[in-house]
Amino acid sequence: MKILVINAGSSSCKYQLFNMDDQSVLCSGVVERIGQPMGKLSHKIAPGSDKEEKIVVERPFPTHVEGMEDVISLLLDSEKGVIQDKSEISAIGHRVLHGGEAITDPVLIDEKVKEIIRDCFPLGPLHNPANLMGIDVAEKLFPGVPNVGVFDTEFGMTLAPEAYLYPLPYSLYEELRIRRYGFHGTSHKYIAKATAAFLGKPLSELNSITMHLGNGSSMSAVQNGKCIDTSMGLTPLEGLMMGTRCGSIDPAIVPFMMEKKGMTPQEADTV
């Protein structure tokens, strides 16, 4: 069984093709600078093995469709390809940022799920539209192949109300769903599982602190394998200081800065 995994961004698309029979990575890569005058496709065959080989294609990729079409060509290449036919791919997995409160587990993507992804555009404006675009492209290029969504916010859906509610008027939660969602959930879930396996303990008996550290960073508290608290909140901005995110600051800084500097909400958000 072979599974293609896609992580679509606004101007990029990362991918890996797994052979689930032995859990090996057949190939991986990224299409970058989609929509810009010159794009780049970096494709690795058998990454991490002694047979690793890298192929680089530089040309314009007007949309994600052209980028994924080139990826498929490399997958099927008569000399360098890793499959002989697209039908060998049994399923396509998509990393999606935000599923709100409606999605708590990986789901088979249908029109209802796509509508939930659209409804969460305001909560994930940089990621959800691109994630949905990746799903649409996969459905177009791999007709009939099931698409599965794995959501970053899933792991945080086990938070209790006292952990996810902010000390604000409850109406803001009821009307706008302002709450702590938590992000990097796929990473935190994997770390918890891997830690339990390393310690030889069932995940259901594991209490741990998980850390996702990089340009974006977050921490989660895991009790009996379930997330009970996390550092990221309504957006991925809250919590630890990161590469391009300030993390938690005194909320009074924002209106003070806007008043003194004459900033719009968008300008303040950019800062």
Protein backbone atom coordinates (compact mmCIF):
# COMPACT_ATOMS: atom_id res chain seq x y z
CA MET A 1 0.00 0.00 0.00
CA LYS A 2 1.39 3.38 -1.03
CA ILE A 3 0.23 6.69 0.50
CA LEU A 4 1.05 10.15 -0.84
CA VAL A 5 1.17 12.84 1.87
CA ILE A 6 0.78 16.50 0.91
CA ASN A 7 1.32 19.70 2.90
CA ALA A 8 0.17 22.56 0.67
CA GLY A 9 1.12 26.14 1.50
CA SER A 10 0.19 29.39 -0.20
CA SER A 11 3.26 29.31 -2.48
CA SER A 12 4.69 25.85 -1.86
CA CYS A 13 3.75 22.20 -1.69
CA LYS A 14 5.68 19.59 0.29
CA TYR A 15 5.10 15.89 -0.34
CA GLN A 16 6.25 12.38 0.55
CA LEU A 17 5.33 9.01 -0.92
CA PHE A 18 5.32 6.15 1.62
CA ASN A 19 5.37 2.41 1.04
CA MET A 20 3.33 1.31 4.05
CA ASP A 21 4.32 -2.37 3.65
CA ASP A 22 7.74 -1.58 5.12
CA GLN A 23 7.04 2.06 6.16
CA SER A 24 9.79 3.33 3.87
CA VAL A 25 9.84 6.72 2.12
CA LEU A 26 10.01 6.15 -1.64
CA CYS A 27 10.49 9.84 -2.42
CA SER A 28 9.96 13.30 -0.98
CA GLY A 29 10.23 16.87 -2.11
CA VAL A 30 8.91 20.38 -2.27
CA VAL A 31 7.62 22.70 -4.99
CA GLU A 32 8.59 26.26 -4.08
CA ARG A 33 7.81 29.79 -5.30
CA ILE A 34 4.48 28.78 -6.88
CA GLY A 35 2.97 31.76 -8.70
CA GLN A 36 6.28 33.62 -8.93
CA PRO A 37 8.28 34.26 -12.14
CA MET A 38 10.57 31.28 -11.46
CA GLY A 39 9.74 28.24 -9.34
CA LYS A 40 11.78 25.32 -8.07
CA LEU A 41 10.99 21.63 -7.58
CA SER A 42 13.40 19.66 -5.38
CA HIS A 43 12.74 15.91 -5.55
CA LYS A 44 14.58 13.24 -3.54
CA ILE A 45 14.45 9.55 -4.40
CA ALA A 46 14.91 7.15 -1.46
CA PRO A 47 15.71 10.03 0.95
CA GLY A 48 17.95 9.18 3.87
CA SER A 49 19.23 5.95 2.33
CA ASP A 50 22.53 5.13 0.63
CA LYS A 51 20.62 5.24 -2.66
CA GLU A 52 19.40 8.81 -2.20
CA GLU A 53 19.29 10.84 -5.39
CA LYS A 54 18.17 14.44 -5.86
CA ILE A 55 16.53 15.97 -8.91
CA VAL A 56 15.99 19.74 -9.24
CA VAL A 57 13.63 21.32 -11.77
CA GLU A 58 13.54 25.10 -12.16
CA ARG A 59 10.72 26.61 -14.18
CA PRO A 60 7.63 28.74 -13.56
CA PHE A 61 4.78 27.03 -11.70
CA PRO A 62 1.78 29.36 -12.17
CA THR A 63 -0.41 27.30 -9.80
CA HIS A 64 -0.23 24.23 -7.58
CA VAL A 65 -1.64 22.18 -10.47
CA GLU A 66 1.47 22.63 -12.62
CA GLY A 67 3.71 21.86 -9.65
CA MET A 68 1.92 18.62 -8.81
CA GLU A 69 1.81 17.63 -12.48
CA ASP A 70 5.62 17.79 -12.52
CA VAL A 71 5.74 15.77 -9.31
CA ILE A 72 3.57 13.08 -10.89
CA SER A 73 5.84 13.03 -13.95
CA LEU A 74 8.82 12.36 -11.68
CA LEU A 75 6.93 9.65 -9.79
CA LEU A 76 6.17 7.90 -13.11
CA ASP A 77 9.48 8.61 -14.89
CA SER A 78 10.62 5.55 -16.88
CA GLU A 79 14.15 5.72 -15.46
CA LYS A 80 13.92 7.51 -12.11
CA GLY A 81 10.29 6.86 -11.17
CA VAL A 82 9.19 4.98 -8.05
CA ILE A 83 5.79 3.82 -9.35
CA GLN A 84 4.57 2.63 -12.74
CA ASP A 85 1.01 3.94 -12.55
CA LYS A 86 -0.96 6.47 -10.49
CA SER A 87 -3.33 3.65 -9.51
CA GLU A 88 -0.60 2.31 -7.19
CA ILE A 89 -1.36 5.20 -4.81
CA SER A 90 -4.08 3.94 -2.45
CA ALA A 91 -4.76 7.17 -0.57
CA ILE A 92 -3.63 10.79 -0.23
CA GLY A 93 -3.16 12.37 3.17
CA HIS A 94 -3.34 16.13 3.71
CA ARG A 95 -2.03 18.16 6.62
CA VAL A 96 -4.68 20.81 7.32
CA LEU A 97 -4.21 23.56 9.89
CA HIS A 98 -7.65 24.24 11.32
CA GLY A 99 -10.70 22.08 11.79
CA GLY A 100 -12.27 24.16 14.55
CA GLU A 101 -14.32 22.24 17.09
CA ALA A 102 -16.02 20.15 14.40
CA ILE A 103 -13.11 17.82 13.61
CA THR A 104 -11.48 15.79 16.37
CA ASP A 105 -9.90 12.92 14.39
CA PRO A 106 -8.49 12.25 10.92
CA VAL A 107 -11.38 12.27 8.43
CA LEU A 108 -12.17 11.13 4.91
CA ILE A 109 -12.53 14.36 2.96
CA ASP A 110 -15.93 15.03 1.41
CA GLU A 111 -17.89 18.18 0.64
CA LYS A 112 -18.95 18.57 4.29
CA VAL A 113 -15.33 18.46 5.47
CA LYS A 114 -14.30 20.96 2.79
CA GLU A 115 -17.06 23.28 4.01
CA ILE A 116 -15.67 23.03 7.57
CA ILE A 117 -12.21 23.93 6.22
CA ARG A 118 -13.75 26.98 4.48
CA ASP A 119 -15.61 27.98 7.64
CA CYS A 120 -12.24 28.05 9.43
CA PHE A 121 -10.64 30.43 6.89
CA PRO A 122 -10.96 33.37 9.34
CA LEU A 123 -9.16 31.33 12.02
CA GLY A 124 -6.41 30.13 9.65
CA PRO A 125 -6.25 32.69 6.84
CA LEU A 126 -2.69 31.86 5.76
CA HIS A 127 -3.02 28.09 5.85
CA ASN A 128 -6.57 26.80 5.39
CA PRO A 129 -7.14 28.29 1.90
CA ALA A 130 -3.83 26.76 0.71
CA ASN A 131 -4.63 23.43 2.37
CA LEU A 132 -7.99 23.33 0.60
CA MET A 133 -6.28 24.20 -2.68
CA GLY A 134 -3.99 21.18 -2.22
CA ILE A 135 -7.04 18.96 -1.67
CA ASP A 136 -8.73 20.30 -4.82
CA VAL A 137 -5.57 19.69 -6.87
CA ALA A 138 -5.24 16.13 -5.54
CA GLU A 139 -8.88 15.39 -6.37
CA LYS A 140 -8.34 16.70 -9.90
CA LEU A 141 -5.09 14.83 -10.59
CA PHE A 142 -5.95 11.59 -8.74
CA PRO A 143 -9.67 11.05 -9.47
CA GLY A 144 -11.27 8.37 -7.35
CA VAL A 145 -8.39 8.14 -4.85
CA PRO A 146 -9.58 8.77 -1.25
CA ASN A 147 -8.24 11.92 0.42
CA VAL A 148 -7.80 12.01 4.19
CA GLY A 149 -7.39 15.17 6.27
CA VAL A 150 -5.20 15.23 9.37
CA PHE A 151 -5.76 18.47 11.29
CA ASP A 152 -3.30 20.39 13.43
CA THR A 153 -6.07 21.34 15.85
CA GLU A 154 -7.24 17.75 16.52
CA PHE A 155 -4.88 17.13 19.44
CA GLY A 156 -6.13 20.16 21.34
CA MET A 157 -9.77 19.10 21.19
CA THR A 158 -9.33 17.08 24.41
CA LEU A 159 -8.74 20.29 26.40
CA ALA A 160 -11.26 20.89 29.19
CA PRO A 161 -13.23 24.18 29.22
CA GLU A 162 -11.08 25.56 32.04
CA ALA A 163 -8.04 25.07 29.78
CA TYR A 164 -9.43 26.30 26.46
CA LEU A 165 -11.62 29.23 27.56
CA TYR A 166 -10.09 32.70 27.93
CA PRO A 167 -11.12 34.98 30.83
CA LEU A 168 -13.31 37.04 28.50
CA PRO A 169 -17.07 37.47 28.14
CA TYR A 170 -18.48 34.00 27.38
CA SER A 171 -20.45 35.52 24.50
CA LEU A 172 -17.19 35.91 22.56
CA TYR A 173 -16.78 32.14 22.65
CA GLU A 174 -20.42 31.54 21.75
CA GLU A 175 -20.50 34.03 18.88
CA LEU A 176 -16.95 33.95 17.49
CA ARG A 177 -15.56 30.67 18.89
CA ILE A 178 -12.70 32.57 20.56
CA ARG A 179 -10.89 29.87 22.53
CA ARG A 180 -7.54 28.11 22.79
CA TYR A 181 -7.25 25.59 19.96
CA GLY A 182 -3.60 24.60 20.04
CA PHE A 183 -1.52 23.91 16.94
CA HIS A 184 1.36 21.66 15.87
CA GLY A 185 -1.02 18.89 16.97
CA THR A 186 0.27 16.32 14.48
CA SER A 187 3.78 16.88 15.84
CA HIS A 188 2.79 16.75 19.52
CA LYS A 189 0.73 13.59 18.97
CA TYR A 190 3.64 11.89 17.21
CA ILE A 191 6.12 12.96 19.92
CA ALA A 192 3.84 11.56 22.64
CA LYS A 193 3.47 8.24 20.80
CA ALA A 194 7.20 7.98 20.09
CA THR A 195 8.06 8.78 23.71
CA ALA A 196 5.67 6.12 25.00
CA ALA A 197 7.17 3.55 22.61
CA PHE A 198 10.72 4.52 23.65
CA LEU A 199 9.82 4.10 27.34
CA GLY A 200 7.95 0.86 26.68
CA LYS A 201 4.71 2.25 28.14
CA PRO A 202 1.17 2.33 26.71
CA LEU A 203 0.31 5.83 25.47
CA SER A 204 -2.72 5.77 27.77
CA GLU A 205 -0.34 5.63 30.77
CA LEU A 206 2.01 8.40 29.62
CA ASN A 207 2.20 11.79 31.32
CA SER A 208 4.62 14.09 29.51
CA ILE A 209 5.52 17.55 28.28
CA THR A 210 5.93 17.60 24.49
CA MET A 211 7.87 20.33 22.69
CA HIS A 212 7.80 21.32 19.04
CA LEU A 213 10.83 23.57 18.58
CA GLY A 214 11.76 25.37 15.37
CA ASN A 215 10.88 28.56 13.53
CA GLY A 216 7.45 27.92 15.02
CA SER A 217 7.46 26.54 18.56
CA SER A 218 4.93 25.24 21.06
CA MET A 219 4.55 23.03 24.13
CA SER A 220 1.77 20.74 25.28
CA ALA A 221 0.96 18.94 28.52
CA VAL A 222 -0.11 15.33 27.91
CA GLN A 223 -1.91 13.30 30.58
CA ASN A 224 -2.67 9.62 29.91
CA GLY A 225 -1.95 10.26 26.24
CA LYS A 226 -4.43 13.16 25.95
CA CYS A 227 -3.60 16.85 25.54
CA ILE A 228 -4.75 18.77 28.61
CA ASP A 229 -3.01 22.11 27.99
CA THR A 230 -1.02 23.78 25.24
CA SER A 231 0.87 27.02 24.71
CA MET A 232 -0.72 28.13 21.42
CA GLY A 233 -4.16 29.69 21.54
CA LEU A 234 -6.75 31.12 19.16
CA THR A 235 -3.92 31.45 16.64
CA PRO A 236 -0.35 30.08 16.42
CA LEU A 237 0.88 33.46 17.74
CA GLU A 238 0.42 32.76 21.46
CA GLY A 239 2.96 31.03 23.69
CA LEU A 240 6.69 30.71 23.11
CA MET A 241 8.77 33.31 21.25
CA MET A 242 9.35 32.11 17.67
CA GLY A 243 11.15 33.03 14.49
CA THR A 244 8.51 35.46 13.19
CA ARG A 245 6.00 35.40 16.09
CA CYS A 246 6.43 37.30 19.33
CA GLY A 247 4.62 34.73 21.44
CA SER A 248 2.73 35.81 24.56
CA ILE A 249 2.94 39.52 25.40
CA ASP A 250 0.93 41.93 27.53
CA PRO A 251 -2.27 42.40 25.47
CA ALA A 252 -2.30 46.10 26.38
CA ILE A 253 0.77 46.56 24.16
CA VAL A 254 -1.35 46.17 21.02
CA PRO A 255 -3.88 49.02 21.51
CA PHE A 256 -1.15 51.19 23.09
CA MET A 257 1.08 50.70 20.04
CA MET A 258 -1.80 51.29 17.63
CA GLU A 259 -2.79 54.54 19.37
CA LYS A 260 0.73 55.95 19.68
CA LYS A 261 1.89 54.90 16.21
CA GLY A 262 -1.40 55.41 14.37
CA MET A 263 -1.43 51.79 13.20
CA THR A 264 -4.27 49.87 11.59
CA PRO A 265 -5.15 46.42 12.99
CA GLN A 266 -3.37 44.81 10.01
CA GLU A 267 -0.22 46.85 10.59
CA ALA A 268 -0.20 45.90 14.27
CA ASP A 269 -0.74 42.25 13.36
CA THR A 270 2.23 42.41 10.98
CA VAL A 271 4.47 43.80 13.75
